[in-house]
């Protein structure tokens, strides 16, 4: 079940995408900020899923303490989080088809 009948698709070229047969979503990026992240953590409760993004500040391997400078927090309701999961799975599958499998450490 999709809440509010909105299912967003990932678009790499244009910022307008037709959603099912009744709605059109216009992506307004005029106030968007861009941040780089090489670290992500996820927290959850019954009502919300919180994504924390940051950058690893360790320059040398083997350090006893790694400092992560958190830069962004995104709070989603569980429906939006599940839709995000579906979109990420689709994009990563396409990426691996083009460039090869991504292997994660331990």
C-alpha atoms as a PDB file:
ATOM      1  CA  UNK A   1       0.000   0.000   0.000  1.00  0.00           C
ATOM      2  CA  UNK A   2       1.325   3.423  -0.943  1.00  0.00           C
ATOM      3  CA  UNK A   3       0.297   6.257   1.327  1.00  0.00           C
ATOM      4  CA  UNK A   4      -1.240   9.266  -0.488  1.00  0.00           C
ATOM      5  CA  UNK A   5      -0.803   7.489  -3.857  1.00  0.00           C
ATOM      6  CA  UNK A   6       2.648   9.014  -4.333  1.00  0.00           C
ATOM      7  CA  UNK A   7       5.497   6.851  -5.528  1.00  0.00           C
ATOM      8  CA  UNK A   8       8.572   8.839  -6.511  1.00  0.00           C
ATOM      9  CA  UNK A   9      10.979   7.577  -9.134  1.00  0.00           C
ATOM     10  CA  UNK A  10      14.681   8.396  -9.294  1.00  0.00           C
ATOM     11  CA  UNK A  11      15.521  10.675 -12.177  1.00  0.00           C
ATOM     12  CA  UNK A  12      19.027  11.587 -13.190  1.00  0.00           C
ATOM     13  CA  UNK A  13      18.271  14.011 -16.003  1.00  0.00           C
ATOM     14  CA  UNK A  14      15.039  15.941 -15.661  1.00  0.00           C
ATOM     15  CA  UNK A  15      13.404  17.180 -12.474  1.00  0.00           C
ATOM     16  CA  UNK A  16       9.805  16.472 -13.464  1.00  0.00           C
ATOM     17  CA  UNK A  17       8.423  12.940 -13.254  1.00  0.00           C
ATOM     18  CA  UNK A  18       4.898  11.671 -13.781  1.00  0.00           C
ATOM     19  CA  UNK A  19       3.696   9.594 -10.835  1.00  0.00           C
ATOM     20  CA  UNK A  20       1.072   6.926 -11.609  1.00  0.00           C
ATOM     21  CA  UNK A  21      -1.726   8.303 -13.829  1.00  0.00           C
ATOM     22  CA  UNK A  22      -3.124  11.010 -11.581  1.00  0.00           C
ATOM     23  CA  UNK A  23      -0.291  13.140 -10.234  1.00  0.00           C
ATOM     24  CA  UNK A  24       2.800  14.881 -11.512  1.00  0.00           C
ATOM     25  CA  UNK A  25       5.672  15.546  -9.107  1.00  0.00           C
ATOM     26  CA  UNK A  26       7.809  18.610  -9.777  1.00  0.00           C
ATOM     27  CA  UNK A  27      11.168  18.505  -7.973  1.00  0.00           C
ATOM     28  CA  UNK A  28      12.050  22.051  -6.858  1.00  0.00           C
ATOM     29  CA  UNK A  29      15.785  22.176  -6.134  1.00  0.00           C
ATOM     30  CA  UNK A  30      16.005  25.958  -5.688  1.00  0.00           C
ATOM     31  CA  UNK A  31      16.647  25.651  -1.903  1.00  0.00           C
ATOM     32  CA  UNK A  32      18.547  22.368  -1.934  1.00  0.00           C
ATOM     33  CA  UNK A  33      21.883  21.997  -0.163  1.00  0.00           C
ATOM     34  CA  UNK A  34      24.494  19.408  -1.047  1.00  0.00           C
ATOM     35  CA  UNK A  35      26.648  17.657   1.543  1.00  0.00           C
ATOM     36  CA  UNK A  36      29.247  14.924   1.141  1.00  0.00           C
ATOM     37  CA  UNK A  37      28.999  11.910   3.427  1.00  0.00           C
ATOM     38  CA  UNK A  38      31.129   8.798   3.748  1.00  0.00           C
ATOM     39  CA  UNK A  39      29.432   7.635   6.977  1.00  0.00           C
ATOM     40  CA  UNK A  40      25.761   6.969   7.711  1.00  0.00           C
ATOM     41  CA  UNK A  41      23.980   5.700  10.807  1.00  0.00           C
ATOM     42  CA  UNK A  42      20.314   4.806  11.209  1.00  0.00           C
ATOM     43  CA  UNK A  43      18.132   5.059  14.322  1.00  0.00           C
ATOM     44  CA  UNK A  44      14.505   4.041  14.561  1.00  0.00           C
ATOM     45  CA  UNK A  45      11.417   4.217  16.709  1.00  0.00           C
ATOM     46  CA  UNK A  46       7.792   3.298  16.071  1.00  0.00           C
ATOM     47  CA  UNK A  47       6.995   6.694  14.555  1.00  0.00           C
ATOM     48  CA  UNK A  48      10.183   7.668  12.717  1.00  0.00           C
ATOM     49  CA  UNK A  49      13.425   6.553  11.142  1.00  0.00           C
ATOM     50  CA  UNK A  50      16.384   8.911  11.555  1.00  0.00           C
ATOM     51  CA  UNK A  51      19.341   8.918   9.173  1.00  0.00           C
ATOM     52  CA  UNK A  52      22.552  10.562  10.399  1.00  0.00           C
ATOM     53  CA  UNK A  53      25.153  11.554   7.800  1.00  0.00           C
ATOM     54  CA  UNK A  54      28.717  12.666   8.341  1.00  0.00           C
ATOM     55  CA  UNK A  55      32.334  12.426   7.319  1.00  0.00           C
ATOM     56  CA  UNK A  56      34.980  10.171   8.833  1.00  0.00           C
ATOM     57  CA  UNK A  57      37.821  12.375  10.083  1.00  0.00           C
ATOM     58  CA  UNK A  58      40.378   9.548  10.472  1.00  0.00           C
ATOM     59  CA  UNK A  59      43.287   9.882   8.055  1.00  0.00           C
ATOM     60  CA  UNK A  60      45.323   6.933   9.297  1.00  0.00           C
ATOM     61  CA  UNK A  61      44.196   3.326   9.627  1.00  0.00           C
ATOM     62  CA  UNK A  62      44.666   1.706  12.991  1.00  0.00           C
ATOM     63  CA  UNK A  63      43.620   4.711  15.066  1.00  0.00           C
ATOM     64  CA  UNK A  64      42.023   3.795  18.389  1.00  0.00           C
ATOM     65  CA  UNK A  65      39.357   6.480  18.059  1.00  0.00           C
ATOM     66  CA  UNK A  66      37.625   7.579  14.880  1.00  0.00           C
ATOM     67  CA  UNK A  67      35.880  10.948  14.893  1.00  0.00           C
ATOM     68  CA  UNK A  68      32.831  11.342  12.654  1.00  0.00           C
ATOM     69  CA  UNK A  69      31.734  14.922  12.023  1.00  0.00           C
ATOM     70  CA  UNK A  70      27.946  14.733  11.682  1.00  0.00           C
ATOM     71  CA  UNK A  71      26.569  17.181   9.145  1.00  0.00           C
ATOM     72  CA  UNK A  72      22.983  16.197   8.368  1.00  0.00           C
ATOM     73  CA  UNK A  73      20.025  14.454   9.976  1.00  0.00           C
ATOM     74  CA  UNK A  74      17.054  13.279   7.918  1.00  0.00           C
ATOM     75  CA  UNK A  75      13.935  12.162   9.770  1.00  0.00           C
ATOM     76  CA  UNK A  76      11.454  10.008   7.822  1.00  0.00           C
ATOM     77  CA  UNK A  77       8.187   8.352   8.669  1.00  0.00           C
ATOM     78  CA  UNK A  78       8.303   4.552   8.204  1.00  0.00           C
ATOM     79  CA  UNK A  79       6.444   4.711   4.863  1.00  0.00           C
ATOM     80  CA  UNK A  80       8.928   7.184   3.383  1.00  0.00           C
ATOM     81  CA  UNK A  81      11.829   5.116   4.779  1.00  0.00           C
ATOM     82  CA  UNK A  82      10.504   1.980   3.087  1.00  0.00           C
ATOM     83  CA  UNK A  83      10.066   3.820  -0.229  1.00  0.00           C
ATOM     84  CA  UNK A  84      13.648   5.087   0.136  1.00  0.00           C
ATOM     85  CA  UNK A  85      14.829   1.500   0.634  1.00  0.00           C
ATOM     86  CA  UNK A  86      13.092   0.411  -2.578  1.00  0.00           C
ATOM     87  CA  UNK A  87      14.605   3.291  -4.544  1.00  0.00           C
ATOM     88  CA  UNK A  88      18.105   2.677  -3.137  1.00  0.00           C
ATOM     89  CA  UNK A  89      17.898  -1.032  -3.967  1.00  0.00           C
ATOM     90  CA  UNK A  90      16.892  -0.184  -7.549  1.00  0.00           C
ATOM     91  CA  UNK A  91      19.675   2.374  -8.021  1.00  0.00           C
ATOM     92  CA  UNK A  92      22.338   0.110  -6.484  1.00  0.00           C
ATOM     93  CA  UNK A  93      21.263  -2.837  -8.647  1.00  0.00           C
ATOM     94  CA  UNK A  94      21.621  -0.658 -11.732  1.00  0.00           C
ATOM     95  CA  UNK A  95      25.007   0.598 -10.521  1.00  0.00           C
ATOM     96  CA  UNK A  96      26.316  -2.936  -9.946  1.00  0.00           C
ATOM     97  CA  UNK A  97      25.048  -4.055 -13.349  1.00  0.00           C
ATOM     98  CA  UNK A  98      27.087  -1.296 -14.963  1.00  0.00           C
ATOM     99  CA  UNK A  99      30.213  -1.216 -12.790  1.00  0.00           C
ATOM    100  CA  UNK A 100      30.375  -4.517 -10.911  1.00  0.00           C
ATOM    101  CA  UNK A 101      29.398  -5.769  -7.496  1.00  0.00           C
ATOM    102  CA  UNK A 102      30.130  -3.612  -4.466  1.00  0.00           C
ATOM    103  CA  UNK A 103      31.665  -5.717  -1.706  1.00  0.00           C
ATOM    104  CA  UNK A 104      31.306  -4.537   1.877  1.00  0.00           C
ATOM    105  CA  UNK A 105      33.842  -5.286   4.591  1.00  0.00           C
ATOM    106  CA  UNK A 106      32.910  -7.581   7.503  1.00  0.00           C
END
